[in-house]
Protein backbone atom coordinates (compact mmCIF):
# COMPACT_ATOMS: atom_id res chain seq x y z
CA UNK A 1 41.93 -27.15 5.64
CA UNK A 2 41.97 -24.34 7.67
CA UNK A 3 38.71 -25.56 9.51
CA UNK A 4 40.47 -28.76 10.59
CA UNK A 5 44.11 -27.16 11.30
CA UNK A 6 42.11 -24.65 14.03
CA UNK A 7 40.22 -27.44 15.46
CA UNK A 8 43.20 -29.48 16.42
CA UNK A 9 45.33 -26.30 17.31
CA UNK A 10 42.65 -25.31 19.64
CA UNK A 11 43.99 -27.69 22.04
CA UNK A 12 47.46 -26.32 22.20
CA UNK A 13 47.02 -23.63 24.64
CA UNK A 14 50.19 -23.23 27.30
CA UNK A 15 50.04 -23.17 31.08
CA UNK A 16 50.04 -19.53 31.08
CA UNK A 17 46.59 -19.46 28.81
CA UNK A 18 48.56 -18.25 25.87
CA UNK A 19 47.72 -20.06 22.32
CA UNK A 20 50.98 -21.60 21.01
CA UNK A 21 52.42 -22.37 17.88
CA UNK A 22 51.71 -25.28 16.17
CA UNK A 23 54.55 -27.68 15.93
CA UNK A 24 52.32 -30.57 13.84
CA UNK A 25 51.06 -27.70 11.10
CA UNK A 26 51.94 -28.67 7.27
CA UNK A 27 54.02 -25.98 5.26
CA UNK A 28 50.60 -23.85 5.11
CA UNK A 29 49.20 -21.39 7.32
CA UNK A 30 47.30 -21.75 10.02
CA UNK A 31 45.84 -19.61 12.48
CA UNK A 32 47.88 -20.55 15.69
CA UNK A 33 51.51 -19.64 15.50
CA UNK A 34 53.75 -17.72 17.87
CA UNK A 35 53.75 -16.67 21.77
CA UNK A 36 51.97 -13.86 22.82
CA UNK A 37 54.44 -11.27 23.59
CA UNK A 38 52.21 -9.21 25.75
CA UNK A 39 52.30 -9.63 29.48
CA UNK A 40 51.13 -12.76 31.18
CA UNK A 41 47.70 -13.37 31.31
CA UNK A 42 47.08 -12.29 35.14
CA UNK A 43 49.37 -9.24 34.94
CA UNK A 44 47.96 -8.41 31.51
CA UNK A 45 44.56 -7.59 33.34
CA UNK A 46 45.89 -5.39 36.03
CA UNK A 47 45.74 -7.71 38.94
CA UNK A 48 48.68 -6.16 40.81
CA UNK A 49 47.14 -4.19 42.75
CA UNK A 50 44.87 -6.85 44.19
CA UNK A 51 47.07 -9.25 45.57
CA UNK A 52 44.74 -12.10 46.84
CA UNK A 53 42.91 -11.91 43.19
CA UNK A 54 46.24 -12.18 41.56
CA UNK A 55 46.87 -14.97 43.62
CA UNK A 56 43.84 -16.75 42.60
CA UNK A 57 44.68 -15.91 38.89
CA UNK A 58 48.15 -17.22 39.16
CA UNK A 59 46.93 -20.74 40.76
CA UNK A 60 44.82 -21.08 37.22
CA UNK A 61 47.81 -22.07 35.11
CA UNK A 62 49.26 -24.56 37.61
CA UNK A 63 45.83 -26.16 37.75
CA UNK A 64 45.77 -26.38 33.85
CA UNK A 65 49.36 -27.92 33.50
CA UNK A 66 48.39 -30.51 35.94
CA UNK A 67 45.24 -31.21 34.23
CA UNK A 68 42.79 -30.58 37.06
CA UNK A 69 40.35 -28.52 35.18
CA UNK A 70 37.40 -28.33 37.24
CA UNK A 71 39.72 -27.17 40.00
CA UNK A 72 40.86 -24.21 37.53
CA UNK A 73 37.45 -23.62 36.53
CA UNK A 74 36.16 -23.05 40.16
CA UNK A 75 39.12 -20.35 40.65
CA UNK A 76 38.09 -18.42 37.36
CA UNK A 77 34.84 -18.55 38.68
CA UNK A 78 36.19 -16.96 41.66
CA UNK A 79 37.24 -14.16 39.70
CA UNK A 80 34.23 -13.56 37.88
CA UNK A 81 32.37 -13.43 41.09
CA UNK A 82 34.88 -11.11 42.89
CA UNK A 83 35.86 -8.75 40.02
CA UNK A 84 32.57 -8.71 37.79
CA UNK A 85 34.07 -5.53 35.82
CA UNK A 86 37.38 -7.52 34.67
CA UNK A 87 37.26 -9.35 31.93
CA UNK A 88 40.22 -11.64 33.80
CA UNK A 89 37.73 -14.70 35.03
CA UNK A 90 35.74 -14.82 31.40
CA UNK A 91 39.37 -14.95 29.77
CA UNK A 92 40.13 -18.05 31.60
CA UNK A 93 36.87 -19.74 31.67
CA UNK A 94 37.27 -19.34 27.46
CA UNK A 95 40.66 -21.05 27.63
CA UNK A 96 38.84 -23.87 29.45
CA UNK A 97 36.58 -24.49 27.04
CA UNK A 98 38.90 -23.71 24.10
CA UNK A 99 41.21 -26.64 25.64
CA UNK A 100 37.88 -28.71 25.31
CA UNK A 101 36.95 -27.71 21.65
CA UNK A 102 33.50 -25.72 22.90
CA UNK A 103 34.57 -23.06 20.57
CA UNK A 104 30.79 -21.31 20.84
CA UNK A 105 31.09 -21.20 24.69
CA UNK A 106 34.84 -20.47 24.56
CA UNK A 107 33.78 -17.39 21.78
CA UNK A 108 31.16 -16.42 24.40
CA UNK A 109 33.80 -15.85 27.19
CA UNK A 110 36.00 -14.13 25.10
CA UNK A 111 33.55 -11.71 23.94
CA UNK A 112 32.44 -11.18 27.88
CA UNK A 113 36.28 -10.74 28.97
CA UNK A 114 36.54 -7.73 26.14
CA UNK A 115 33.31 -6.29 27.13
CA UNK A 116 34.44 -5.98 30.72
CA UNK A 117 38.44 -5.14 29.56
CA UNK A 118 38.48 -3.47 26.47
CA UNK A 119 41.47 -1.99 26.65
CA UNK A 120 43.65 -5.45 27.02
CA UNK A 121 45.17 -6.30 23.83
CA UNK A 122 45.63 -10.58 24.91
CA UNK A 123 41.68 -10.01 25.61
CA UNK A 124 41.21 -9.17 21.79
CA UNK A 125 43.73 -11.15 20.19
CA UNK A 126 42.12 -14.54 21.89
CA UNK A 127 38.45 -13.29 20.76
CA UNK A 128 39.83 -12.45 17.25
CA UNK A 129 42.02 -16.19 17.25
CA UNK A 130 38.20 -17.64 18.35
CA UNK A 131 36.39 -16.00 15.37
CA UNK A 132 39.13 -17.14 13.23
CA UNK A 133 38.04 -21.05 14.32
CA UNK A 134 34.57 -20.69 13.83
CA UNK A 135 35.31 -19.10 10.35
CA UNK A 136 33.97 -15.36 11.41
CA UNK A 137 36.81 -13.89 9.63
CA UNK A 138 35.43 -10.25 9.54
CA UNK A 139 35.00 -10.17 13.12
CA UNK A 140 38.87 -11.93 13.18
CA UNK A 141 40.03 -9.18 11.29
CA UNK A 142 38.64 -6.67 13.24
CA UNK A 143 39.90 -7.87 15.97
CA UNK A 144 43.57 -8.07 14.58
CA UNK A 145 43.13 -4.29 13.26
CA UNK A 146 42.59 -3.05 16.69
CA UNK A 147 45.84 -4.72 18.01
CA UNK A 148 47.83 -2.95 14.98
CA UNK A 149 46.29 0.46 16.20
CA UNK A 150 46.16 0.14 19.70
CA UNK A 151 49.26 -2.42 20.15
CA UNK A 152 51.37 -1.34 17.17
CA UNK A 153 54.45 -2.78 18.70
CA UNK A 154 52.53 -6.08 19.27
CA UNK A 155 53.80 -8.16 16.33
CA UNK A 156 51.48 -11.36 16.41
CA UNK A 157 48.28 -9.51 14.96
CA UNK A 158 50.77 -8.92 11.97
CA UNK A 159 51.32 -12.21 11.93
CA UNK A 160 47.84 -13.67 12.32
CA UNK A 161 46.82 -11.16 9.14
CA UNK A 162 49.54 -12.39 7.24
CA UNK A 163 48.79 -15.97 7.16
CA UNK A 164 44.98 -14.99 6.63
CA UNK A 165 46.02 -13.11 3.55
CA UNK A 166 48.12 -15.47 1.95
CA UNK A 167 46.24 -19.06 2.80
CA UNK A 168 42.95 -18.10 2.97
CA UNK A 169 42.25 -15.31 0.77
CA UNK A 170 45.48 -16.53 -1.40
CA UNK A 171 46.89 -13.08 -1.08
CA UNK A 172 50.59 -14.00 -1.19
CA UNK A 173 51.75 -10.30 -1.80
CA UNK A 174 49.82 -8.93 1.02
CA UNK A 175 50.30 -11.87 3.52
CA UNK A 176 54.09 -10.90 2.80
CA UNK A 177 53.75 -7.43 3.57
CA UNK A 178 52.58 -8.23 6.94
CA UNK A 179 54.82 -11.10 7.70
CA UNK A 180 57.70 -8.30 7.21
CA UNK A 181 55.69 -5.87 9.47
CA UNK A 182 56.03 -8.89 11.96
CA UNK A 183 59.67 -9.35 11.70
CA UNK A 184 60.12 -5.60 11.99
CA UNK A 185 58.44 -5.76 15.13
CA UNK A 186 59.86 -8.94 16.27
CA UNK A 187 63.21 -10.15 14.10
CA UNK A 188 63.36 -13.06 16.06
CA UNK A 189 60.17 -14.60 15.17
CA UNK A 190 61.12 -17.89 13.30
CA UNK A 191 57.48 -18.65 12.40
CA UNK A 192 56.73 -15.33 10.62
CA UNK A 193 60.29 -15.95 9.11
CA UNK A 194 59.74 -19.45 7.83
CA UNK A 195 56.10 -18.47 6.69
CA UNK A 196 57.82 -15.40 4.36
CA UNK A 197 60.25 -17.69 3.18
CA UNK A 198 57.42 -20.14 2.30
CA UNK A 199 55.61 -17.00 0.25
CA UNK A 200 58.56 -16.25 -1.31
CA UNK A 201 59.00 -19.98 -2.73
CA UNK A 202 55.64 -19.88 -3.71
CA UNK A 203 56.12 -17.19 -6.21
CA UNK A 204 58.89 -18.68 -7.52
CA UNK A 205 61.90 -16.38 -5.77
CA UNK A 206 64.01 -19.21 -4.68
CA UNK A 207 67.46 -17.23 -3.69
CA UNK A 208 65.45 -15.13 -1.58
CA UNK A 209 63.32 -17.90 0.16
CA UNK A 210 66.48 -19.85 0.88
CA UNK A 211 67.64 -16.50 2.66
CA UNK A 212 64.57 -16.30 4.85
CA UNK A 213 64.81 -20.27 5.62
CA UNK A 214 68.21 -20.30 6.38
CA UNK A 215 67.76 -17.04 8.51
CA UNK A 216 64.91 -19.15 9.93
CA UNK A 217 66.87 -21.88 10.86
CA UNK A 218 70.28 -20.10 12.70
CA UNK A 219 67.37 -18.21 14.46
CA UNK A 220 65.71 -21.50 15.42
CA UNK A 221 68.72 -23.42 16.66
CA UNK A 222 70.15 -19.82 18.68
CA UNK A 223 66.68 -20.09 20.68
CA UNK A 224 66.93 -23.53 20.86
CA UNK A 225 63.27 -24.03 19.80
CA UNK A 226 62.46 -27.35 18.24
CA UNK A 227 61.03 -25.66 15.01
CA UNK A 228 61.93 -27.57 12.05
CA UNK A 229 60.11 -26.04 9.32
CA UNK A 230 62.58 -23.52 8.08
CA UNK A 231 64.64 -27.03 7.87
CA UNK A 232 61.92 -28.34 5.55
CA UNK A 233 62.28 -25.04 3.41
CA UNK A 234 65.74 -25.54 2.83
CA UNK A 235 65.13 -29.00 1.91
CA UNK A 236 62.45 -28.55 -0.59
CA UNK A 237 64.43 -25.82 -2.42
CA UNK A 238 67.56 -28.28 -2.86
CA UNK A 239 65.37 -30.93 -3.98
CA UNK A 240 63.50 -28.36 -6.79
CA UNK A 241 67.55 -27.55 -7.81
CA UNK A 242 67.72 -31.64 -8.37
CA UNK A 243 70.08 -31.82 -5.30
CA UNK A 244 68.85 -34.70 -3.59
CA UNK A 245 72.03 -35.05 -1.25
CA UNK A 246 71.79 -31.91 0.07
CA UNK A 247 67.66 -32.62 0.03
CA UNK A 248 68.04 -35.32 2.31
CA UNK A 249 70.82 -33.79 4.83
CA UNK A 250 68.11 -31.35 5.54
CA UNK A 251 65.20 -33.56 5.84
CA UNK A 252 67.07 -35.74 8.28
CA UNK A 253 68.41 -32.60 10.21
CA UNK A 254 64.49 -31.75 10.26
CA UNK A 255 63.43 -35.06 11.49
CA UNK A 256 66.06 -35.03 14.45
CA UNK A 257 64.69 -31.85 15.45
CA UNK A 258 60.97 -32.92 15.05
CA UNK A 259 60.82 -36.49 15.15
CA UNK A 260 57.43 -36.57 15.71
CA UNK A 261 56.13 -33.84 13.30
CA UNK A 262 54.45 -35.79 10.48
CA UNK A 263 55.21 -33.05 7.49
CA UNK A 264 58.94 -34.08 7.88
CA UNK A 265 58.51 -37.52 7.37
CA UNK A 266 56.09 -36.92 4.65
CA UNK A 267 58.99 -34.65 2.88
CA UNK A 268 61.28 -37.57 3.29
CA UNK A 269 58.85 -39.83 1.68
CA UNK A 270 58.51 -37.81 -1.57
CA UNK A 271 62.00 -37.51 -1.55
CA UNK A 272 62.65 -41.07 -1.85
CA UNK A 273 59.60 -41.39 -4.42
CA UNK A 274 61.84 -38.70 -6.30
CA UNK A 275 64.93 -40.51 -6.12
CA UNK A 276 63.39 -43.74 -6.83
CA UNK A 277 63.96 -45.75 -3.74
CA UNK A 278 59.90 -46.78 -3.39
CA UNK A 279 60.42 -49.24 -0.45
CA UNK A 280 62.13 -46.21 1.87
CA UNK A 281 59.23 -43.88 0.15
CA UNK A 282 56.43 -46.07 1.33
CA UNK A 283 58.36 -46.24 4.59
CA UNK A 284 58.22 -42.77 5.15
CA UNK A 285 54.68 -41.98 4.03
CA UNK A 286 53.32 -45.01 6.41
CA UNK A 287 54.95 -43.16 9.46
CA UNK A 288 53.49 -39.74 8.03
CA UNK A 289 50.48 -41.65 8.49
CA UNK A 290 50.72 -42.70 11.71
CA UNK A 291 51.67 -39.40 12.86
CA UNK A 292 48.90 -37.89 11.38
CA UNK A 293 46.32 -39.84 10.20
CA UNK A 294 44.06 -36.58 9.13
CA UNK A 295 46.53 -35.56 6.60
CA UNK A 296 45.27 -37.13 2.99
CA UNK A 297 48.31 -36.41 0.78
CA UNK A 298 50.31 -39.51 2.07
CA UNK A 299 47.51 -41.85 1.42
CA UNK A 300 47.56 -40.08 -2.00
CA UNK A 301 50.80 -40.83 -2.90
CA UNK A 302 50.91 -44.54 -1.15
CA UNK A 303 47.90 -44.84 -3.74
CA UNK A 304 50.25 -44.18 -6.31
CA UNK A 305 53.21 -45.92 -5.18
CA UNK A 306 51.70 -49.05 -4.66
CA UNK A 307 50.10 -49.06 -8.20
CA UNK A 308 53.33 -48.80 -9.43
CA UNK A 309 54.48 -51.38 -7.39
CA UNK A 310 51.58 -53.55 -8.78
CA UNK A 311 50.16 -53.80 -4.86
CA UNK A 312 46.72 -53.74 -5.80
CA UNK A 313 45.11 -54.85 -2.62
CA UNK A 314 47.24 -51.87 -0.71
CA UNK A 315 46.51 -49.39 -3.63
CA UNK A 316 42.95 -49.87 -2.71
CA UNK A 317 43.37 -49.27 0.51
CA UNK A 318 45.22 -46.36 0.10
CA UNK A 319 42.60 -45.00 -2.02
CA UNK A 320 39.89 -45.69 0.07
CA UNK A 321 41.58 -43.88 3.02
CA UNK A 322 42.47 -41.23 0.68
CA UNK A 323 38.61 -40.70 -0.03
CA UNK A 324 37.69 -40.87 3.58
CA UNK A 325 40.13 -38.57 4.58
CA UNK A 326 39.00 -35.68 1.99
CA UNK A 327 35.44 -36.38 2.75
CA UNK A 328 35.67 -36.08 6.56
CA UNK A 329 38.17 -33.06 6.44
CA UNK A 330 36.74 -31.03 3.46
CA UNK A 331 40.54 -31.68 2.20
CA UNK A 332 41.11 -30.13 -1.30
């Protein structure tokens, strides 16, 4: 699952060359989340003293946002040629390769960026993320720990370490500690807030989980952020308490906030199945599949539901798709 999420999320790099949070993630950890809080790429590499290079660098995000990758690549190549001792050109070339899912090539450019600019936190952060994408987790961890030592006020290293320990190593307590440290450095980090709540939910501490989810809901609203996972968390906790009406209220709020997020519709489908409204459950699950056909969970739920409804042809289809997705993406 982690490898799949990372491949999908590698496309989500904004116009400034900063990794973005995945708003399509399921309620499990993935390596991409939160915005880089260090300075933007051009200023982070110290180009203020070279106005011409700074202007060249600042043109790259515009080309990226306009889909003009060849022009962006030419500008990055210019920076490599004109500033051979700086990592900024290789940083941008790595971003371009990452957007095209050419992970090994991206990794080489990010390594070159760190070699040339070893003191730049942004370079270490993106290199660490790239290591995670290709499942070189020890190297990923080294880069994140470098950040905790050399950029101790930067919250993202703690955020990513929290995901690594809680999701990939199943060390929930250690992951929670990293999320708390991320929040100490950035109390407005709604993704760390949600994942801390999710970890508490996994440990059965519903009261504290609800506190974190509600804080996440309030923070997302205050920031105007289209981030609905805290709403999902509140809905799940109400469902666990058999309060279907409140659960439905919060799922619907989540869908209103992020109508194209598959996991919102998946949770709605589960809720309808729980309450016995199988027709609405099937409709919600089919919507989840339309939005994210690479997730096996809704196919399995449809398979079981179609059996209950005595619809053998549909059940056979859902079972076949479930097995195909599991095989293709290595889902458990």
